[in-house]
Amino acid sequence: MEAMGWGDFLVVLACCAATMLVCRTVPLFALKGRQLPEGVERALGFIPPAAFAALVANDLLSPGMFDAGLWSAAAPLVAAGVVALVAWRTKSLLWCAVSGVVAYALLTLV
């Protein structure tokens, strides 16, 4: 197999950059000044929490999470439960972060 040369690499890089630019800017300019239907706006509102949940789930759940034992896998899940409870009660990102760090630190000492 032959290695990719700099010319080929620059072509691929330029194509990727152009595609990303088009995919990110065309919808912005196409929808500028237009009112979206309420259902579409509500559906788009679910994207940030869903993306955040996917990132958190990726860190909390892994195929080999129970390899080191039950408590090693349960500690982050219990800390996440504490954070969910604090988030539900306070709706404060600061208190969620503080409670998550403290809960995880205490659970690792047990």
Protein backbone atom coordinates (compact mmCIF):
# COMPACT_ATOMS: atom_id res chain seq x y z
CA MET A 1 0.00 0.00 0.00
CA GLU A 2 1.36 3.37 -0.98
CA ALA A 3 1.41 6.25 1.50
CA MET A 4 -0.68 9.31 0.81
CA GLY A 5 1.34 12.22 -0.51
CA TRP A 6 1.03 15.82 0.63
CA GLY A 7 -0.91 16.76 -2.49
CA ASP A 8 -3.52 14.06 -1.88
CA PHE A 9 -3.71 14.99 1.77
CA LEU A 10 -4.32 18.66 0.96
CA VAL A 11 -7.09 17.72 -1.49
CA VAL A 12 -8.82 15.58 1.15
CA LEU A 13 -8.35 18.32 3.77
CA ALA A 14 -9.79 20.98 1.45
CA CYS A 15 -12.78 18.79 0.59
CA CYS A 16 -13.48 18.07 4.26
CA ALA A 17 -13.15 21.74 5.20
CA ALA A 18 -15.45 22.83 2.36
CA THR A 19 -18.04 20.20 3.29
CA MET A 20 -18.02 21.23 6.95
CA LEU A 21 -18.29 24.89 6.01
CA VAL A 22 -21.22 24.27 3.67
CA CYS A 23 -23.05 22.00 6.14
CA ARG A 24 -22.71 24.54 8.93
CA THR A 25 -23.35 27.80 7.09
CA VAL A 26 -25.94 26.98 4.41
CA PRO A 27 -28.70 26.11 6.94
CA LEU A 28 -27.85 29.24 8.90
CA PHE A 29 -28.27 31.50 5.87
CA ALA A 30 -31.25 29.56 4.47
CA LEU A 31 -33.21 29.87 7.72
CA LYS A 32 -32.16 33.43 8.60
CA GLY A 33 -35.22 35.55 9.37
CA ARG A 34 -37.65 32.64 9.04
CA GLN A 35 -39.89 31.37 11.80
CA LEU A 36 -39.73 27.62 12.30
CA PRO A 37 -42.86 25.67 13.23
CA GLU A 38 -43.32 25.19 16.97
CA GLY A 39 -42.85 21.41 16.73
CA VAL A 40 -39.53 21.81 14.94
CA GLU A 41 -38.29 24.34 17.49
CA ARG A 42 -39.33 22.04 20.32
CA ALA A 43 -37.57 19.09 18.67
CA LEU A 44 -34.39 21.13 18.12
CA GLY A 45 -34.46 22.05 21.81
CA PHE A 46 -33.83 18.39 22.68
CA ILE A 47 -30.50 18.27 20.84
CA PRO A 48 -28.23 19.86 23.51
CA PRO A 49 -29.51 17.69 26.40
CA ALA A 50 -29.37 14.57 24.22
CA ALA A 51 -25.80 15.30 23.14
CA PHE A 52 -24.78 15.93 26.75
CA ALA A 53 -26.49 12.72 27.89
CA ALA A 54 -24.64 10.77 25.20
CA LEU A 55 -21.31 12.18 26.37
CA VAL A 56 -22.07 11.38 30.01
CA ALA A 57 -23.36 7.88 29.19
CA ASN A 58 -20.21 7.20 27.18
CA ASP A 59 -18.09 8.00 30.25
CA LEU A 60 -20.28 6.15 32.75
CA LEU A 61 -21.03 2.97 30.81
CA SER A 62 -18.42 0.83 29.10
CA PRO A 63 -18.28 -2.83 28.08
CA GLY A 64 -15.61 -3.71 30.67
CA MET A 65 -16.86 -1.57 33.53
CA PHE A 66 -17.41 -4.54 35.86
CA ASP A 67 -14.00 -6.10 35.19
CA ALA A 68 -12.44 -4.38 38.22
CA GLY A 69 -15.36 -5.35 40.47
CA LEU A 70 -18.88 -4.31 41.31
CA TRP A 71 -17.97 -1.32 43.50
CA SER A 72 -15.56 0.13 40.91
CA ALA A 73 -18.41 0.20 38.41
CA ALA A 74 -21.09 1.32 40.86
CA ALA A 75 -19.24 4.32 42.33
CA PRO A 76 -19.49 6.54 39.22
CA LEU A 77 -23.13 5.52 38.74
CA VAL A 78 -23.98 6.40 42.35
CA ALA A 79 -22.17 9.74 41.99
CA ALA A 80 -24.15 10.38 38.79
CA GLY A 81 -27.34 9.63 40.73
CA VAL A 82 -26.33 12.19 43.36
CA VAL A 83 -25.72 14.74 40.61
CA ALA A 84 -29.12 14.01 39.04
CA LEU A 85 -30.80 14.50 42.41
CA VAL A 86 -28.96 17.79 43.02
CA ALA A 87 -29.79 18.94 39.47
CA TRP A 88 -33.45 18.16 39.99
CA ARG A 89 -33.56 20.03 43.31
CA THR A 90 -31.33 23.05 42.63
CA LYS A 91 -31.15 23.38 38.82
CA SER A 92 -27.64 24.80 39.34
CA LEU A 93 -24.67 23.68 37.27
CA LEU A 94 -22.27 24.81 40.00
CA TRP A 95 -23.92 22.68 42.68
CA CYS A 96 -24.11 19.73 40.29
CA ALA A 97 -20.37 19.90 39.64
CA VAL A 98 -19.51 20.33 43.33
CA SER A 99 -21.81 17.53 44.46
CA GLY A 100 -20.51 15.20 41.75
CA VAL A 101 -16.88 15.74 42.68
CA VAL A 102 -17.57 15.41 46.42
CA ALA A 103 -19.76 12.31 45.96
CA TYR A 104 -17.21 10.60 43.74
CA ALA A 105 -14.36 11.48 46.11
CA LEU A 106 -16.25 10.11 49.10
CA LEU A 107 -17.26 6.97 47.22
CA THR A 108 -13.66 6.23 46.25
CA LEU A 109 -12.66 6.43 49.92
CA VAL A 110 -15.22 3.76 50.87
